[in-house]
């Protein structure tokens, strides 16, 4: 997949390709949210139905397949983030998450991942909105938020590294939780170490591309 994703590493190339869709998706989400949402739903269904005959890369690595997830964040920021009357949506999300944790319906894994992932995200948002943390905890959360994108870029490499040494396929629920926490911690430790050189490189590129 390195040749397909242009930059020699599929995950980074995947992100670049997804962001190429951003201007079109943004316009659709703002100007025609219902049409955009329905179109993405239809695209999601068609991709699952006809995928094996249309693409050779794994379905989970195809940026077109993941547009629904990308657009979900845009819909959230535009229509849910600052609304005070959206409590019922969060309650539905919490109920859906509980259902997903206890039952996997006979649907495609990518559809299940989209539903469970969106439900988890909305549940965490609701939790954070309604919990009050000590000042130190808030400070840690804010700092981790600044590192979150770097951690996001690193996490799959850490998963690959760990998967070469342990096999999470047959893990118990407790072992999965420990594995998850380990990946998150290592991702943020790596992000914290890369934070300074990344900022330095960004500043140098800005001076090179946009000289004042």
N, C-alpha and C. Protein backbone atom coordinates (compact mmCIF):
# COMPACT_ATOMS: atom_id res chain seq x y z
N UNK A 1 0.81 -1.21 0.00
CA UNK A 1 0.00 0.00 0.00
C UNK A 1 0.84 1.26 0.00
N UNK A 2 2.16 1.12 0.21
CA UNK A 2 3.01 2.32 0.28
C UNK A 2 2.98 3.09 -1.03
N UNK A 3 2.92 2.39 -2.18
CA UNK A 3 2.89 3.09 -3.46
C UNK A 3 1.55 3.80 -3.65
N UNK A 4 0.46 3.16 -3.19
CA UNK A 4 -0.87 3.77 -3.32
C UNK A 4 -0.96 5.04 -2.49
N UNK A 5 -0.39 5.00 -1.30
CA UNK A 5 -0.53 6.14 -0.40
C UNK A 5 0.58 7.18 -0.52
N UNK A 6 1.39 7.06 -1.54
CA UNK A 6 2.24 8.16 -2.04
C UNK A 6 3.44 8.50 -1.16
N UNK A 7 3.33 8.41 0.14
CA UNK A 7 4.39 8.91 1.01
C UNK A 7 5.18 7.80 1.67
N UNK A 8 4.96 6.55 1.27
CA UNK A 8 5.73 5.45 1.82
C UNK A 8 5.19 4.87 3.10
N UNK A 9 4.10 5.43 3.61
CA UNK A 9 3.52 4.94 4.86
C UNK A 9 2.02 5.19 4.79
N UNK A 10 1.22 4.13 4.81
CA UNK A 10 -0.18 4.23 4.41
C UNK A 10 -0.98 5.16 5.31
N UNK A 11 -0.71 5.16 6.61
CA UNK A 11 -1.57 5.91 7.53
C UNK A 11 -1.45 7.42 7.30
N UNK A 12 -0.22 7.91 7.15
CA UNK A 12 -0.02 9.33 6.88
C UNK A 12 -0.62 9.70 5.52
N UNK A 13 -0.38 8.87 4.52
CA UNK A 13 -0.96 9.13 3.21
C UNK A 13 -2.48 9.08 3.22
N UNK A 14 -3.02 8.17 4.02
CA UNK A 14 -4.47 8.06 4.19
C UNK A 14 -5.04 9.38 4.70
N UNK A 15 -4.41 9.95 5.70
CA UNK A 15 -4.88 11.22 6.28
C UNK A 15 -4.82 12.34 5.24
N UNK A 16 -3.73 12.39 4.48
CA UNK A 16 -3.59 13.42 3.44
C UNK A 16 -4.73 13.31 2.43
N UNK A 17 -5.02 12.09 1.99
CA UNK A 17 -6.07 11.89 0.99
C UNK A 17 -7.45 12.24 1.55
N UNK A 18 -7.70 11.89 2.80
CA UNK A 18 -8.99 12.23 3.41
C UNK A 18 -9.17 13.74 3.48
N UNK A 19 -8.11 14.44 3.83
CA UNK A 19 -8.21 15.90 3.94
C UNK A 19 -8.41 16.58 2.59
N UNK A 20 -8.10 15.90 1.50
CA UNK A 20 -8.39 16.46 0.19
C UNK A 20 -9.89 16.59 -0.05
N UNK A 21 -10.67 15.76 0.66
CA UNK A 21 -12.12 15.83 0.55
C UNK A 21 -12.72 16.93 1.43
N UNK A 22 -11.90 17.50 2.31
CA UNK A 22 -12.42 18.43 3.31
C UNK A 22 -13.19 19.61 2.74
N UNK A 23 -12.67 20.34 1.74
CA UNK A 23 -13.42 21.50 1.24
C UNK A 23 -14.82 21.15 0.74
N UNK A 24 -14.93 20.04 0.02
CA UNK A 24 -16.23 19.62 -0.50
C UNK A 24 -17.16 19.19 0.63
N UNK A 25 -16.64 18.41 1.56
CA UNK A 25 -17.46 17.96 2.69
C UNK A 25 -17.90 19.13 3.56
N UNK A 26 -17.01 20.08 3.77
CA UNK A 26 -17.34 21.23 4.61
C UNK A 26 -18.49 22.02 4.00
N UNK A 27 -18.41 22.25 2.70
CA UNK A 27 -19.49 22.98 2.03
C UNK A 27 -20.80 22.21 2.14
N UNK A 28 -20.75 20.88 1.97
CA UNK A 28 -21.95 20.08 2.07
C UNK A 28 -22.54 20.07 3.46
N UNK A 29 -21.69 19.94 4.48
CA UNK A 29 -22.16 19.91 5.87
C UNK A 29 -22.80 21.24 6.26
N UNK A 30 -22.25 22.34 5.78
CA UNK A 30 -22.77 23.66 6.15
C UNK A 30 -24.00 24.02 5.33
N UNK A 31 -23.96 23.80 4.02
CA UNK A 31 -25.03 24.29 3.14
C UNK A 31 -26.14 23.27 2.89
N UNK A 32 -25.82 21.99 2.95
CA UNK A 32 -26.84 20.96 2.68
C UNK A 32 -26.59 19.75 3.58
N UNK A 33 -26.78 19.91 4.88
CA UNK A 33 -26.43 18.83 5.81
C UNK A 33 -27.22 17.54 5.61
N UNK A 34 -28.51 17.64 5.32
CA UNK A 34 -29.32 16.44 5.15
C UNK A 34 -28.91 15.68 3.90
N UNK A 35 -28.77 16.41 2.79
CA UNK A 35 -28.35 15.77 1.53
C UNK A 35 -26.96 15.15 1.69
N UNK A 36 -26.08 15.86 2.36
CA UNK A 36 -24.72 15.34 2.57
C UNK A 36 -24.74 14.09 3.43
N UNK A 37 -25.50 14.12 4.51
CA UNK A 37 -25.59 12.96 5.39
C UNK A 37 -26.17 11.75 4.70
N UNK A 38 -27.25 11.94 3.95
CA UNK A 38 -27.88 10.83 3.22
C UNK A 38 -26.93 10.31 2.14
N UNK A 39 -26.24 11.21 1.45
CA UNK A 39 -25.30 10.79 0.40
C UNK A 39 -24.16 9.95 0.98
N UNK A 40 -23.67 10.36 2.14
CA UNK A 40 -22.60 9.60 2.78
C UNK A 40 -23.09 8.23 3.24
N UNK A 41 -24.34 8.18 3.70
CA UNK A 41 -24.92 6.89 4.11
C UNK A 41 -25.04 5.95 2.91
N UNK A 42 -25.52 6.47 1.79
CA UNK A 42 -25.65 5.67 0.57
C UNK A 42 -24.27 5.20 0.08
N UNK A 43 -23.28 6.12 0.13
CA UNK A 43 -21.92 5.76 -0.28
C UNK A 43 -21.37 4.66 0.61
N UNK A 44 -21.63 4.76 1.91
CA UNK A 44 -21.17 3.75 2.87
C UNK A 44 -21.76 2.38 2.52
N UNK A 45 -23.04 2.34 2.24
CA UNK A 45 -23.72 1.08 1.91
C UNK A 45 -23.19 0.51 0.59
N UNK A 46 -23.03 1.36 -0.42
CA UNK A 46 -22.55 0.91 -1.73
C UNK A 46 -21.12 0.38 -1.64
N UNK A 47 -20.28 1.05 -0.84
CA UNK A 47 -18.90 0.60 -0.69
C UNK A 47 -18.85 -0.79 -0.08
N UNK A 48 -19.67 -1.03 0.92
CA UNK A 48 -19.70 -2.34 1.56
C UNK A 48 -20.24 -3.40 0.59
N UNK A 49 -21.27 -3.04 -0.15
CA UNK A 49 -21.93 -4.00 -1.03
C UNK A 49 -21.05 -4.42 -2.20
N UNK A 50 -20.33 -3.44 -2.78
CA UNK A 50 -19.59 -3.73 -4.00
C UNK A 50 -18.07 -3.66 -3.82
N UNK A 51 -17.60 -3.57 -2.58
CA UNK A 51 -16.18 -3.31 -2.36
C UNK A 51 -15.23 -4.34 -2.98
N UNK A 52 -15.43 -5.62 -2.75
CA UNK A 52 -14.42 -6.58 -3.25
C UNK A 52 -14.15 -6.47 -4.74
N UNK A 53 -15.10 -5.99 -5.50
CA UNK A 53 -14.93 -5.90 -6.95
C UNK A 53 -14.47 -4.52 -7.41
N UNK A 54 -14.30 -3.59 -6.48
CA UNK A 54 -14.00 -2.21 -6.86
C UNK A 54 -12.60 -1.76 -6.46
N UNK A 55 -12.05 -2.27 -5.37
CA UNK A 55 -10.74 -1.84 -4.86
C UNK A 55 -9.94 -3.05 -4.43
N UNK A 56 -8.61 -2.89 -4.45
CA UNK A 56 -7.75 -3.99 -4.03
C UNK A 56 -7.18 -3.78 -2.64
N UNK A 57 -7.25 -2.59 -2.09
CA UNK A 57 -6.73 -2.36 -0.75
C UNK A 57 -7.78 -2.76 0.29
N UNK A 58 -7.37 -3.08 1.52
CA UNK A 58 -8.34 -3.43 2.57
C UNK A 58 -9.36 -2.31 2.77
N UNK A 59 -10.59 -2.68 3.02
CA UNK A 59 -11.67 -1.70 3.12
C UNK A 59 -11.44 -0.69 4.25
N UNK A 60 -10.83 -1.14 5.35
CA UNK A 60 -10.61 -0.25 6.48
C UNK A 60 -9.55 0.82 6.17
N UNK A 61 -8.75 0.59 5.13
CA UNK A 61 -7.68 1.53 4.78
C UNK A 61 -8.07 2.46 3.63
N UNK A 62 -9.30 2.33 3.15
CA UNK A 62 -9.73 3.14 2.01
C UNK A 62 -10.30 4.47 2.51
N UNK A 63 -9.73 5.61 2.10
CA UNK A 63 -10.22 6.90 2.57
C UNK A 63 -11.67 7.19 2.19
N UNK A 64 -12.12 6.66 1.06
CA UNK A 64 -13.52 6.88 0.67
C UNK A 64 -14.46 6.21 1.67
N UNK A 65 -14.07 5.03 2.13
CA UNK A 65 -14.89 4.30 3.10
C UNK A 65 -14.97 5.04 4.43
N UNK A 66 -13.96 5.81 4.75
CA UNK A 66 -13.91 6.47 6.06
C UNK A 66 -14.41 7.91 6.05
N UNK A 67 -15.00 8.33 4.94
CA UNK A 67 -15.52 9.69 4.86
C UNK A 67 -16.64 9.94 5.86
N UNK A 68 -17.43 8.91 6.15
CA UNK A 68 -18.53 9.07 7.12
C UNK A 68 -17.99 9.43 8.50
N UNK A 69 -16.89 8.79 8.89
CA UNK A 69 -16.28 9.09 10.18
C UNK A 69 -15.72 10.52 10.18
N UNK A 70 -15.10 10.89 9.08
CA UNK A 70 -14.53 12.23 8.95
C UNK A 70 -15.63 13.28 9.04
N UNK A 71 -16.73 13.03 8.34
CA UNK A 71 -17.84 13.98 8.33
C UNK A 71 -18.56 14.04 9.67
N UNK A 72 -18.54 12.93 10.41
CA UNK A 72 -19.19 12.92 11.73
C UNK A 72 -18.64 14.02 12.62
N UNK A 73 -17.32 14.17 12.62
CA UNK A 73 -16.70 15.23 13.42
C UNK A 73 -17.13 16.62 12.97
N UNK A 74 -17.31 16.78 11.68
CA UNK A 74 -17.75 18.08 11.14
C UNK A 74 -19.20 18.36 11.52
N UNK A 75 -20.04 17.35 11.45
CA UNK A 75 -21.44 17.51 11.88
C UNK A 75 -21.50 17.84 13.37
N UNK A 76 -20.66 17.18 14.14
CA UNK A 76 -20.64 17.43 15.58
C UNK A 76 -20.28 18.88 15.88
N UNK A 77 -19.21 19.36 15.26
CA UNK A 77 -18.76 20.73 15.53
C UNK A 77 -19.79 21.77 15.07
N UNK A 78 -20.50 21.49 13.99
CA UNK A 78 -21.43 22.48 13.44
C UNK A 78 -22.80 22.45 14.10
N UNK A 79 -23.24 21.27 14.57
CA UNK A 79 -24.63 21.16 14.99
C UNK A 79 -24.86 20.64 16.41
N UNK A 80 -23.84 20.09 17.05
CA UNK A 80 -24.05 19.54 18.38
C UNK A 80 -23.20 20.18 19.46
N UNK A 81 -22.00 20.58 19.10
CA UNK A 81 -21.00 20.99 20.09
C UNK A 81 -21.49 22.07 21.04
N UNK A 82 -22.15 23.09 20.52
CA UNK A 82 -22.52 24.24 21.34
C UNK A 82 -24.02 24.32 21.63
N UNK A 83 -24.77 23.31 21.23
CA UNK A 83 -26.21 23.33 21.47
C UNK A 83 -26.52 22.91 22.91
N UNK A 84 -27.48 23.59 23.52
CA UNK A 84 -27.86 23.27 24.89
C UNK A 84 -29.04 22.32 24.96
N UNK A 85 -29.67 22.05 23.81
CA UNK A 85 -30.87 21.21 23.80
C UNK A 85 -30.60 19.84 23.17
N UNK A 86 -29.35 19.38 23.21
CA UNK A 86 -28.99 18.12 22.54
C UNK A 86 -28.78 16.99 23.54
N UNK A 87 -29.30 17.15 24.76
CA UNK A 87 -29.08 16.14 25.79
C UNK A 87 -29.60 14.78 25.37
N UNK A 88 -30.73 14.76 24.69
CA UNK A 88 -31.33 13.49 24.29
C UNK A 88 -30.45 12.73 23.31
N UNK A 89 -29.67 13.47 22.49
CA UNK A 89 -28.77 12.80 21.54
C UNK A 89 -27.66 12.08 22.30
N UNK A 90 -27.15 12.73 23.36
CA UNK A 90 -26.12 12.10 24.17
C UNK A 90 -26.68 10.88 24.91
N UNK A 91 -27.91 10.95 25.37
CA UNK A 91 -28.53 9.82 26.06
C UNK A 91 -28.68 8.63 25.11
N UNK A 92 -29.10 8.92 23.88
CA UNK A 92 -29.20 7.85 22.87
C UNK A 92 -27.81 7.24 22.61
N UNK A 93 -26.79 8.11 22.55
CA UNK A 93 -25.43 7.64 22.30
C UNK A 93 -24.96 6.72 23.43
N UNK A 94 -25.24 7.09 24.67
CA UNK A 94 -24.84 6.27 25.81
C UNK A 94 -25.55 4.91 25.76
N UNK A 95 -26.85 4.94 25.45
CA UNK A 95 -27.61 3.69 25.31
C UNK A 95 -27.06 2.82 24.20
N UNK A 96 -26.70 3.45 23.07
CA UNK A 96 -26.14 2.70 21.93
C UNK A 96 -24.79 2.09 22.29
N UNK A 97 -23.98 2.86 23.03
CA UNK A 97 -22.66 2.36 23.46
C UNK A 97 -22.82 1.14 24.37
N UNK A 98 -23.73 1.21 25.31
CA UNK A 98 -23.98 0.08 26.22
C UNK A 98 -24.42 -1.15 25.41
N UNK A 99 -25.28 -0.91 24.42
CA UNK A 99 -25.74 -2.00 23.57
C UNK A 99 -24.58 -2.61 22.78
N UNK A 100 -23.71 -1.75 22.24
CA UNK A 100 -22.56 -2.22 21.45
C UNK A 100 -21.58 -3.03 22.30
N UNK A 101 -21.47 -2.66 23.58
CA UNK A 101 -20.55 -3.38 24.47
C UNK A 101 -21.07 -4.77 24.82
N UNK A 102 -22.36 -4.97 24.69
CA UNK A 102 -22.95 -6.24 25.10
C UNK A 102 -23.47 -7.09 23.94
N UNK A 103 -23.54 -6.48 22.74
CA UNK A 103 -24.11 -7.22 21.61
C UNK A 103 -23.56 -6.68 20.31
N UNK A 104 -23.09 -7.57 19.45
CA UNK A 104 -22.63 -7.16 18.12
C UNK A 104 -23.63 -7.65 17.08
N UNK A 105 -24.38 -6.73 16.50
CA UNK A 105 -25.39 -7.12 15.51
C UNK A 105 -24.72 -7.65 14.23
N UNK A 106 -25.45 -8.39 13.42
CA UNK A 106 -24.89 -8.97 12.19
C UNK A 106 -24.75 -7.93 11.08
N UNK A 107 -23.88 -6.96 11.30
CA UNK A 107 -23.62 -5.92 10.30
C UNK A 107 -22.13 -5.90 10.00
N UNK A 108 -21.76 -5.21 8.95
CA UNK A 108 -20.34 -5.12 8.56
C UNK A 108 -19.53 -4.48 9.69
N UNK A 109 -18.30 -4.94 9.83
CA UNK A 109 -17.44 -4.44 10.91
C UNK A 109 -17.19 -2.94 10.81
N UNK A 110 -17.12 -2.39 9.58
CA UNK A 110 -16.90 -0.96 9.43
C UNK A 110 -18.13 -0.16 9.88
N UNK A 111 -19.31 -0.70 9.63
CA UNK A 111 -20.53 -0.04 10.10
C UNK A 111 -20.60 -0.08 11.62
N UNK A 112 -20.27 -1.23 12.18
CA UNK A 112 -20.27 -1.37 13.64
C UNK A 112 -19.24 -0.44 14.27
N UNK A 113 -18.08 -0.32 13.64
CA UNK A 113 -17.02 0.57 14.16
C UNK A 113 -17.48 2.03 14.13
N UNK A 114 -18.18 2.42 13.07
CA UNK A 114 -18.69 3.79 12.95
C UNK A 114 -19.71 4.07 14.05
N UNK A 115 -20.65 3.16 14.24
CA UNK A 115 -21.70 3.36 15.24
C UNK A 115 -21.14 3.36 16.65
N UNK A 116 -20.33 2.37 16.97
CA UNK A 116 -19.77 2.28 18.32
C UNK A 116 -18.78 3.40 18.59
N UNK A 117 -17.98 3.77 17.58
CA UNK A 117 -17.02 4.86 17.77
C UNK A 117 -17.69 6.20 17.99
N UNK A 118 -18.71 6.49 17.20
CA UNK A 118 -19.45 7.75 17.36
C UNK A 118 -20.16 7.78 18.71
N UNK A 119 -20.72 6.64 19.13
CA UNK A 119 -21.41 6.57 20.42
C UNK A 119 -20.44 6.78 21.58
N UNK A 120 -19.26 6.17 21.47
CA UNK A 120 -18.24 6.35 22.50
C UNK A 120 -17.81 7.81 22.60
N UNK A 121 -17.57 8.43 21.45
CA UNK A 121 -17.15 9.83 21.43
C UNK A 121 -18.21 10.73 22.08
N UNK A 122 -19.48 10.57 21.69
CA UNK A 122 -20.54 11.41 22.24
C UNK A 122 -20.74 11.14 23.73
N UNK A 123 -20.57 9.90 24.14
CA UNK A 123 -20.69 9.57 25.57
C UNK A 123 -19.61 10.26 26.38
N UNK A 124 -18.39 10.26 25.85
CA UNK A 124 -17.29 10.93 26.54
C UNK A 124 -17.48 12.44 26.58
N UNK A 125 -18.01 13.00 25.50
CA UNK A 125 -18.30 14.44 25.48
C UNK A 125 -19.30 14.79 26.57
N UNK A 126 -20.36 14.00 26.66
CA UNK A 126 -21.39 14.24 27.68
C UNK A 126 -20.80 14.12 29.08
N UNK A 127 -19.94 13.12 29.26
CA UNK A 127 -19.30 12.92 30.57
C UNK A 127 -18.43 14.12 30.93
N UNK A 128 -17.64 14.59 29.99
CA UNK A 128 -16.74 15.71 30.25
C UNK A 128 -17.51 17.01 30.52
N UNK A 129 -18.66 17.15 29.86
CA UNK A 129 -19.47 18.36 30.07
C UNK A 129 -20.10 18.40 31.45
N UNK A 130 -20.31 17.25 32.05
CA UNK A 130 -21.07 17.19 33.29
C UNK A 130 -20.24 16.82 34.51
N UNK A 131 -18.95 16.60 34.31
CA UNK A 131 -18.07 16.33 35.43
C UNK A 131 -17.18 17.54 35.70
N UNK A 132 -16.89 17.78 36.94
CA UNK A 132 -16.00 18.88 37.33
C UNK A 132 -14.71 18.28 37.89
N UNK A 133 -13.61 18.64 37.27
CA UNK A 133 -12.32 18.08 37.64
C UNK A 133 -11.50 19.08 38.44
N UNK A 134 -10.61 18.59 39.29
CA UNK A 134 -9.65 19.49 39.97
C UNK A 134 -8.81 20.23 38.94
N UNK A 135 -8.27 21.36 39.36
CA UNK A 135 -7.51 22.21 38.44
C UNK A 135 -6.35 21.46 37.80
N UNK A 136 -5.65 20.63 38.59
CA UNK A 136 -4.51 19.89 38.05
C UNK A 136 -4.94 18.92 36.97
N UNK A 137 -6.07 18.25 37.18
CA UNK A 137 -6.58 17.30 36.18
C UNK A 137 -6.97 18.03 34.91
N UNK A 138 -7.63 19.19 35.04
CA UNK A 138 -7.99 20.00 33.87
C UNK A 138 -6.75 20.41 33.10
N UNK A 139 -5.71 20.77 33.82
CA UNK A 139 -4.46 21.19 33.18
C UNK A 139 -3.84 20.04 32.40
N UNK A 140 -3.87 18.83 32.97
CA UNK A 140 -3.33 17.65 32.29
C UNK A 140 -4.15 17.33 31.03
N UNK A 141 -5.48 17.42 31.16
CA UNK A 141 -6.35 17.14 30.01
C UNK A 141 -6.10 18.14 28.88
N UNK A 142 -5.95 19.42 29.23
CA UNK A 142 -5.68 20.43 28.21
C UNK A 142 -4.35 20.19 27.51
N UNK A 143 -3.33 19.79 28.29
CA UNK A 143 -2.03 19.53 27.69
C UNK A 143 -2.08 18.31 26.77
N UNK A 144 -2.77 17.28 27.23
CA UNK A 144 -2.92 16.08 26.40
C UNK A 144 -3.70 16.38 25.12
N UNK A 145 -4.63 17.33 25.23
CA UNK A 145 -5.39 17.72 24.03
C UNK A 145 -4.48 18.33 22.98
N UNK A 146 -3.48 19.08 23.43
CA UNK A 146 -2.53 19.69 22.50
C UNK A 146 -1.66 18.63 21.82
N UNK A 147 -1.46 17.52 22.50
CA UNK A 147 -0.64 16.44 21.95
C UNK A 147 -1.48 15.39 21.21
N UNK A 148 -2.79 15.52 21.21
CA UNK A 148 -3.66 14.43 20.76
C UNK A 148 -3.45 14.06 19.29
N UNK A 149 -3.21 15.06 18.42
CA UNK A 149 -3.05 14.72 17.01
C UNK A 149 -1.75 13.96 16.77
N UNK A 150 -0.69 14.37 17.45
CA UNK A 150 0.57 13.63 17.34
C UNK A 150 0.39 12.21 17.87
N UNK A 151 -0.33 12.08 18.99
CA UNK A 151 -0.59 10.75 19.55
C UNK A 151 -1.39 9.91 18.57
N UNK A 152 -2.34 10.56 17.89
CA UNK A 152 -3.16 9.88 16.89
C UNK A 152 -2.29 9.35 15.75
N UNK A 153 -1.31 10.13 15.33
CA UNK A 153 -0.42 9.71 14.25
C UNK A 153 0.48 8.55 14.67
N UNK A 154 0.78 8.48 15.97
CA UNK A 154 1.72 7.47 16.46
C UNK A 154 1.06 6.16 16.86
N UNK A 155 -0.22 6.20 17.22
CA UNK A 155 -0.80 5.06 17.92
C UNK A 155 -0.77 3.76 17.10
N UNK A 156 -0.97 3.85 15.79
CA UNK A 156 -1.02 2.61 15.02
C UNK A 156 0.36 1.98 14.88
N UNK A 157 1.41 2.84 14.87
CA UNK A 157 2.77 2.29 14.83
C UNK A 157 3.07 1.54 16.12
N UNK A 158 2.58 2.09 17.23
CA UNK A 158 2.77 1.44 18.53
C UNK A 158 2.00 0.13 18.58
N UNK A 159 0.79 0.12 18.02
CA UNK A 159 0.00 -1.11 17.96
C UNK A 159 0.74 -2.17 17.14
N UNK A 160 1.30 -1.78 15.99
CA UNK A 160 2.06 -2.73 15.16
C UNK A 160 3.26 -3.27 15.93
N UNK A 161 3.94 -2.38 16.65
CA UNK A 161 5.11 -2.77 17.43
C UNK A 161 4.73 -3.80 18.50
N UNK A 162 3.65 -3.52 19.22
CA UNK A 162 3.23 -4.42 20.29
C UNK A 162 2.67 -5.73 19.72
N UNK A 163 1.99 -5.64 18.59
CA UNK A 163 1.36 -6.83 18.00
C UNK A 163 2.40 -7.83 17.50
N UNK A 164 3.61 -7.36 17.22
CA UNK A 164 4.68 -8.28 16.83
C UNK A 164 5.19 -9.08 18.02
N UNK A 165 4.84 -8.63 19.23
CA UNK A 165 5.35 -9.26 20.44
C UNK A 165 4.27 -9.97 21.26
N UNK A 166 3.04 -9.51 21.13
CA UNK A 166 1.92 -10.17 21.80
C UNK A 166 0.76 -10.26 20.81
N UNK A 167 -0.12 -11.24 21.04
CA UNK A 167 -1.26 -11.42 20.15
C UNK A 167 -2.54 -11.06 20.91
N UNK A 168 -3.14 -9.90 20.58
CA UNK A 168 -4.32 -9.45 21.32
C UNK A 168 -5.62 -10.13 20.90
N UNK A 169 -5.55 -11.03 19.92
CA UNK A 169 -6.77 -11.64 19.38
C UNK A 169 -7.55 -12.39 20.46
N UNK A 170 -6.84 -13.12 21.31
CA UNK A 170 -7.50 -13.94 22.32
C UNK A 170 -7.46 -13.32 23.72
N UNK A 171 -7.27 -12.01 23.78
CA UNK A 171 -7.21 -11.33 25.07
C UNK A 171 -8.56 -11.37 25.78
N UNK A 172 -8.51 -11.42 27.09
CA UNK A 172 -9.72 -11.25 27.90
C UNK A 172 -10.06 -9.77 27.94
N UNK A 173 -11.23 -9.44 28.50
CA UNK A 173 -11.65 -8.04 28.58
C UNK A 173 -10.65 -7.22 29.38
N UNK A 174 -10.15 -7.77 30.48
CA UNK A 174 -9.17 -7.06 31.31
C UNK A 174 -7.87 -6.85 30.55
N UNK A 175 -7.43 -7.86 29.82
CA UNK A 175 -6.19 -7.74 29.03
C UNK A 175 -6.35 -6.73 27.91
N UNK A 176 -7.52 -6.67 27.28
CA UNK A 176 -7.78 -5.67 26.25
C UNK A 176 -7.70 -4.28 26.85
N UNK A 177 -8.26 -4.10 28.05
CA UNK A 177 -8.22 -2.80 28.72
C UNK A 177 -6.79 -2.39 29.02
N UNK A 178 -5.98 -3.31 29.52
CA UNK A 178 -4.57 -3.02 29.81
C UNK A 178 -3.82 -2.69 28.51
N UNK A 179 -4.10 -3.44 27.46
CA UNK A 179 -3.49 -3.20 26.15
C UNK A 179 -3.85 -1.80 25.64
N UNK A 180 -5.12 -1.45 25.76
CA UNK A 180 -5.60 -0.14 25.32
C UNK A 180 -4.90 0.98 26.09
N UNK A 181 -4.85 0.86 27.42
CA UNK A 181 -4.21 1.88 28.25
C UNK A 181 -2.73 2.00 27.90
N UNK A 182 -2.07 0.87 27.65
CA UNK A 182 -0.65 0.88 27.28
C UNK A 182 -0.43 1.63 25.97
N UNK A 183 -1.26 1.37 24.99
CA UNK A 183 -1.15 2.05 23.68
C UNK A 183 -1.36 3.54 23.85
N UNK A 184 -2.37 3.93 24.63
CA UNK A 184 -2.66 5.35 24.84
C UNK A 184 -1.49 6.04 25.54
N UNK A 185 -0.98 5.43 26.60
CA UNK A 185 0.14 6.03 27.35
C UNK A 185 1.38 6.18 26.48
N UNK A 186 1.73 5.12 25.75
CA UNK A 186 2.91 5.19 24.88
C UNK A 186 2.73 6.21 23.76
N UNK A 187 1.51 6.32 23.25
CA UNK A 187 1.23 7.29 22.19
C UNK A 187 1.45 8.71 22.68
N UNK A 188 0.97 9.01 23.88
CA UNK A 188 1.11 10.37 24.41
C UNK A 188 2.53 10.65 24.89
N UNK A 189 3.23 9.63 25.37
CA UNK A 189 4.64 9.82 25.71
C UNK A 189 5.43 10.16 24.45
N UNK A 190 5.17 9.41 23.38
CA UNK A 190 5.83 9.71 22.11
C UNK A 190 5.47 11.09 21.59
N UNK A 191 4.20 11.47 21.72
CA UNK A 191 3.76 12.79 21.27
C UNK A 191 4.44 13.90 22.04
N UNK A 192 4.59 13.70 23.35
CA UNK A 192 5.25 14.72 24.16
C UNK A 192 6.71 14.90 23.75
N UNK A 193 7.37 13.80 23.37
CA UNK A 193 8.77 13.87 22.95
C UNK A 193 8.90 14.53 21.57
N UNK A 194 7.89 14.37 20.74
CA UNK A 194 7.93 14.94 19.39
C UNK A 194 7.38 16.36 19.33
N UNK A 195 6.80 16.82 20.41
CA UNK A 195 6.14 18.13 20.39
C UNK A 195 7.10 19.26 20.04
N UNK A 196 8.25 19.32 20.70
CA UNK A 196 9.20 20.42 20.44
C UNK A 196 9.77 20.36 19.03
N UNK A 197 10.32 19.22 18.57
CA UNK A 197 10.85 19.21 17.20
C UNK A 197 9.78 19.47 16.14
N UNK A 198 8.54 19.05 16.41
CA UNK A 198 7.46 19.30 15.45
C UNK A 198 7.17 20.80 15.36
N UNK A 199 7.11 21.46 16.50
CA UNK A 199 6.88 22.91 16.50
C UNK A 199 8.02 23.66 15.83
N UNK A 200 9.24 23.20 16.08
CA UNK A 200 10.42 23.82 15.46
C UNK A 200 10.36 23.67 13.94
N UNK A 201 10.05 22.46 13.47
CA UNK A 201 9.97 22.21 12.04
C UNK A 201 8.83 23.01 11.41
N UNK A 202 7.70 23.10 12.10
CA UNK A 202 6.56 23.86 11.59
C UNK A 202 6.93 25.33 11.43
N UNK A 203 7.64 25.87 12.41
CA UNK A 203 8.04 27.27 12.34
C UNK A 203 8.99 27.51 11.17
N UNK A 204 9.94 26.59 10.96
CA UNK A 204 10.89 26.72 9.85
C UNK A 204 10.17 26.65 8.50
N UNK A 205 9.20 25.75 8.39
CA UNK A 205 8.45 25.62 7.14
C UNK A 205 7.59 26.86 6.87
N UNK A 206 7.01 27.41 7.93
CA UNK A 206 6.23 28.64 7.77
C UNK A 206 7.10 29.78 7.30
N UNK A 207 8.29 29.91 7.81
CA UNK A 207 9.21 30.98 7.38
C UNK A 207 9.65 30.76 5.93
N UNK A 208 9.79 29.46 5.56
CA UNK A 208 10.22 29.16 4.19
C UNK A 208 9.12 29.38 3.19
N UNK A 209 7.90 28.98 3.54
CA UNK A 209 6.77 29.07 2.61
C UNK A 209 6.08 30.43 2.62
N UNK A 210 6.08 31.08 3.78
CA UNK A 210 5.40 32.36 3.92
C UNK A 210 6.33 33.39 4.53
N UNK A 211 7.40 33.74 3.83
CA UNK A 211 8.34 34.73 4.38
C UNK A 211 7.67 36.09 4.56
N UNK A 212 7.95 36.72 5.66
CA UNK A 212 7.33 38.03 5.92
C UNK A 212 8.20 39.16 5.36
